[in-house]
Protein backbone atom coordinates (compact mmCIF):
# COMPACT_ATOMS: atom_id res chain seq x y z
CA MET A 1 -0.10 0.00 0.01
CA THR A 2 1.02 3.32 -0.83
CA ALA A 3 0.19 6.79 0.74
CA VAL A 4 -1.85 7.35 -2.44
CA ALA A 5 -4.02 4.37 -1.76
CA ARG A 6 -4.87 5.67 2.07
CA THR A 7 -8.32 6.02 2.59
CA LEU A 8 -10.22 7.90 5.46
CA THR A 9 -12.06 4.78 6.23
CA ASP A 10 -8.66 3.09 6.56
CA ALA A 11 -7.04 5.95 8.94
CA ARG A 12 -10.14 5.94 11.11
CA ALA A 13 -9.81 1.97 11.66
CA TRP A 14 -6.24 2.28 12.26
CA ALA A 15 -6.51 5.05 14.79
CA ARG A 16 -9.21 3.00 16.46
CA THR A 17 -6.93 0.38 16.51
CA GLY A 18 -3.69 2.46 18.03
CA THR A 19 -5.98 3.78 20.54
CA GLY A 20 -7.19 0.57 22.01
CA LEU A 21 -3.74 -0.93 22.14
CA LEU A 22 -2.71 2.34 24.12
CA LEU A 23 -5.69 2.20 26.57
CA ASP A 24 -4.96 -1.41 26.96
CA ALA A 25 -1.18 -0.90 27.52
CA VAL A 26 -1.77 1.72 30.43
CA ALA A 27 -4.81 -0.09 31.78
CA GLY A 28 -2.73 -2.13 34.25
CA LEU A 29 0.33 0.29 35.21
CA ASP A 30 1.00 1.18 38.70
CA GLU A 31 2.57 4.15 39.55
CA ASP A 32 6.14 2.53 39.53
CA ALA A 33 5.68 1.24 35.98
CA PHE A 34 4.02 4.66 34.72
CA SER A 35 7.30 6.20 36.09
CA ALA A 36 9.24 3.73 34.43
CA PRO A 37 11.45 5.03 31.26
CA SER A 38 9.57 4.58 27.94
CA GLN A 39 11.64 3.69 24.63
CA LEU A 40 11.97 7.24 23.78
CA PRO A 41 15.03 8.73 25.16
CA GLY A 42 14.39 10.86 28.43
CA TRP A 43 10.71 10.46 28.66
CA THR A 44 8.95 8.15 31.10
CA ARG A 45 5.54 6.54 30.31
CA LYS A 46 4.28 9.59 31.99
CA HIS A 47 5.58 12.26 29.54
CA LEU A 48 4.63 9.93 26.51
CA THR A 49 1.02 9.21 27.79
CA ALA A 50 0.57 12.88 28.71
CA HIS A 51 1.96 13.66 25.18
CA VAL A 52 -0.48 11.49 23.42
CA ALA A 53 -3.17 12.81 25.61
CA ALA A 54 -2.51 16.24 24.94
CA ASN A 55 -2.25 15.26 21.00
CA ALA A 56 -6.13 14.41 21.08
CA ASP A 57 -6.98 17.53 22.82
CA ALA A 58 -4.84 19.51 20.08
CA LEU A 59 -6.61 17.48 17.25
CA CYS A 60 -9.99 18.41 19.06
CA ASN A 61 -9.26 22.10 18.02
CA LEU A 62 -8.51 21.26 14.21
CA VAL A 63 -11.94 19.19 14.35
CA HIS A 64 -13.66 22.59 15.71
CA TRP A 65 -12.05 24.43 12.95
CA ALA A 66 -13.23 22.00 10.57
CA ALA A 67 -16.47 21.96 11.89
CA THR A 68 -17.26 25.72 12.61
CA GLY A 69 -14.76 27.47 10.37
CA GLU A 70 -13.44 29.21 13.30
CA GLU A 71 -9.81 29.06 13.46
CA ARG A 72 -8.32 27.33 16.48
CA PRO A 73 -4.42 26.27 16.02
CA MET A 74 -3.52 22.82 17.56
CA TYR A 75 -1.47 24.59 20.06
CA ALA A 76 -1.37 28.20 21.20
CA SER A 77 2.38 28.14 21.21
CA ALA A 78 5.41 25.94 21.34
CA GLU A 79 5.62 26.25 25.14
CA GLU A 80 1.98 25.03 25.48
CA ARG A 81 2.83 21.72 23.71
CA THR A 82 5.82 21.47 25.95
CA ALA A 83 3.88 22.00 29.01
CA GLY A 84 1.35 19.35 27.97
CA ILE A 85 4.17 16.71 27.90
CA ALA A 86 5.86 18.02 31.33
CA LYS A 87 2.26 17.78 33.05
CA GLY A 88 2.51 13.97 32.84
CA PRO A 89 5.03 13.42 35.89
CA THR A 90 2.79 15.58 37.90
CA LEU A 91 -0.29 13.75 37.72
CA SER A 92 -1.09 10.26 39.23
CA ALA A 93 -1.56 7.05 37.19
CA ASP A 94 -5.31 7.24 37.26
CA GLU A 95 -5.52 11.10 36.31
CA LEU A 96 -3.21 10.17 33.45
CA ARG A 97 -5.64 7.14 32.25
CA SER A 98 -8.74 9.31 32.78
CA TRP A 99 -6.90 12.23 30.57
CA LEU A 100 -5.77 9.90 27.91
CA THR A 101 -9.37 7.92 27.86
CA ALA A 102 -11.15 11.10 28.03
CA SER A 103 -9.17 13.14 25.45
CA ALA A 104 -9.57 10.23 22.88
CA HIS A 105 -13.12 9.97 23.17
CA ARG A 106 -13.82 13.70 22.76
CA LEU A 107 -11.86 13.40 19.77
CA ALA A 108 -13.78 10.27 18.06
CA ALA A 109 -16.99 11.86 18.94
CA GLY A 110 -16.00 15.15 17.21
CA LEU A 111 -14.72 13.18 14.38
CA ASP A 112 -18.07 11.35 14.39
CA ARG A 113 -19.82 14.35 13.71
CA LEU A 114 -17.91 15.81 10.81
CA THR A 115 -20.25 16.37 7.53
CA ASP A 116 -19.05 15.38 4.38
CA GLU A 117 -18.53 19.04 3.69
CA GLN A 118 -16.67 19.96 6.87
CA TRP A 119 -14.48 16.88 6.09
CA GLN A 120 -13.09 18.78 3.03
CA ARG A 121 -12.05 21.83 5.13
CA GLU A 122 -8.72 22.93 5.28
CA VAL A 123 -6.91 23.20 8.60
CA VAL A 124 -3.39 24.06 9.76
CA THR A 125 -1.07 21.65 11.55
CA ALA A 126 1.30 22.37 14.26
CA GLN A 127 4.12 21.88 11.73
CA GLY A 128 2.12 24.64 9.13
CA ARG A 129 0.85 22.26 6.91
CA THR A 130 -2.40 23.17 5.32
CA VAL A 131 -4.42 20.02 5.25
CA PRO A 132 -8.10 19.05 4.64
CA ALA A 133 -9.85 17.57 7.94
CA THR A 134 -9.52 14.33 6.11
CA GLU A 135 -5.94 14.10 7.40
CA LEU A 136 -6.81 14.41 10.97
CA PRO A 137 -7.65 10.61 11.42
CA TRP A 138 -3.97 9.49 9.86
CA MET A 139 -2.23 11.99 12.07
CA ARG A 140 -3.96 10.40 15.09
CA ALA A 141 -3.14 6.91 13.91
CA ARG A 142 0.32 7.38 13.68
CA GLU A 143 0.35 8.91 16.93
CA VAL A 144 -1.32 6.47 18.56
CA CYS A 145 0.16 3.35 16.88
CA VAL A 146 3.68 4.17 17.11
CA HIS A 147 3.43 5.64 20.96
CA ALA A 148 1.80 2.35 21.66
CA VAL A 149 4.87 0.65 20.96
CA ASP A 150 7.25 3.27 22.44
CA LEU A 151 5.46 2.88 25.85
CA GLY A 152 7.35 -0.23 26.17
CA THR A 153 4.56 -2.78 27.63
CA GLY A 154 4.82 -5.07 24.76
CA VAL A 155 3.39 -3.53 21.78
CA THR A 156 5.33 -4.27 18.80
CA PHE A 157 5.39 -3.15 15.33
CA ALA A 158 4.58 -6.70 14.24
CA GLY A 159 1.30 -6.12 16.12
CA LEU A 160 0.24 -3.17 14.35
CA PRO A 161 -2.14 -3.67 10.91
CA ASP A 162 -0.10 -4.29 8.01
CA GLY A 163 -2.10 -1.72 5.91
CA PHE A 164 -0.87 0.96 8.50
CA LEU A 165 2.81 -0.04 8.48
CA SER A 166 2.92 -0.12 4.55
CA ALA A 167 1.14 3.71 4.51
CA LEU A 168 3.40 4.67 7.24
CA ALA A 169 6.69 3.32 5.57
CA GLU A 170 5.83 4.92 2.51
CA GLU A 171 5.03 7.92 4.11
CA ILE A 172 8.54 8.02 6.05
CA ARG A 173 10.82 6.73 2.95
CA ALA A 174 9.16 9.48 0.64
CA LYS A 175 9.80 12.16 3.61
CA ARG A 176 13.35 11.05 4.30
CA GLY A 177 14.28 10.91 0.50
CA LEU A 178 14.97 7.07 0.43
CA ALA A 179 15.12 5.90 -2.87
CA GLY A 180 14.58 2.11 -1.94
CA LEU A 181 14.75 0.23 1.30
CA PRO A 182 16.75 -2.60 2.71
CA ASP A 183 15.36 -6.18 2.64
CA GLY A 184 13.21 -7.39 5.46
CA PRO A 185 9.83 -7.78 7.12
CA LEU A 186 7.73 -4.87 7.01
CA PRO A 187 7.49 -4.49 10.73
CA GLU A 188 11.09 -4.28 10.98
CA VAL A 189 11.55 -1.97 8.20
CA THR A 190 8.87 0.43 9.37
CA ALA A 191 10.61 0.47 12.73
CA TRP A 192 13.95 1.32 10.97
CA LEU A 193 12.27 3.99 9.03
CA ALA A 194 10.54 5.31 12.36
CA GLY A 195 14.09 5.55 13.99
CA ARG A 196 13.12 2.89 16.41
CA PRO A 197 14.41 -0.31 17.66
CA HIS A 198 14.57 -2.90 14.66
CA ALA A 199 16.60 -6.41 13.83
CA LEU A 200 17.80 -5.19 10.35
CA ALA A 201 21.40 -6.25 10.16
CA GLY A 202 23.57 -3.61 8.49
CA ALA A 203 20.98 -1.13 8.03
CA PRO A 204 22.46 2.67 8.53
CA GLU A 205 20.88 4.17 11.80
CA LEU A 206 18.37 6.89 11.04
CA GLY A 207 17.36 9.73 13.41
CA PRO A 208 14.03 9.63 15.30
CA TRP A 209 10.86 10.35 13.46
CA LEU A 210 7.57 11.79 15.10
């Protein structure tokens, strides 16, 4: 699958899958487990969970923009985004679970309410890209699926949908300007492209992505 073949229905399904994986992953974490390091350097699981919860809140701003036409950026500033991540360690395990769950449900409900016309309205991402609202589920799918792996609780790239892996691998390959890819299983190639731990022998190390 290529990025061209990715559909809104695909992206929404992958976002639901990734959200389910995340919520299941944090369901049984106690305070010590939540405070343990994630697979992202310098981030605990609390930092990572707060980041994903804040991402849902930020995407809700873009859903509001698409639904009403009223401009509402993802984040008021770069400092606001940083503050959302830093908030993680100050919250208890139960507070983080509640925030992650509630923000995910708000986002899903907001997307469910968009009409065909509203899906086509353009919004601006935190990176300054102007995109139609149909891009929002894909943005969320990347966050929840990849960060479900980053939590380090047992979810792996091999546990993500093949269609998602194909779409993600093609997108990162194009953005990194790579002409070809190393031979290997799709989950390992995608992990390598994303700058995550992988089992590809001899593949050059890439910097982190997302």
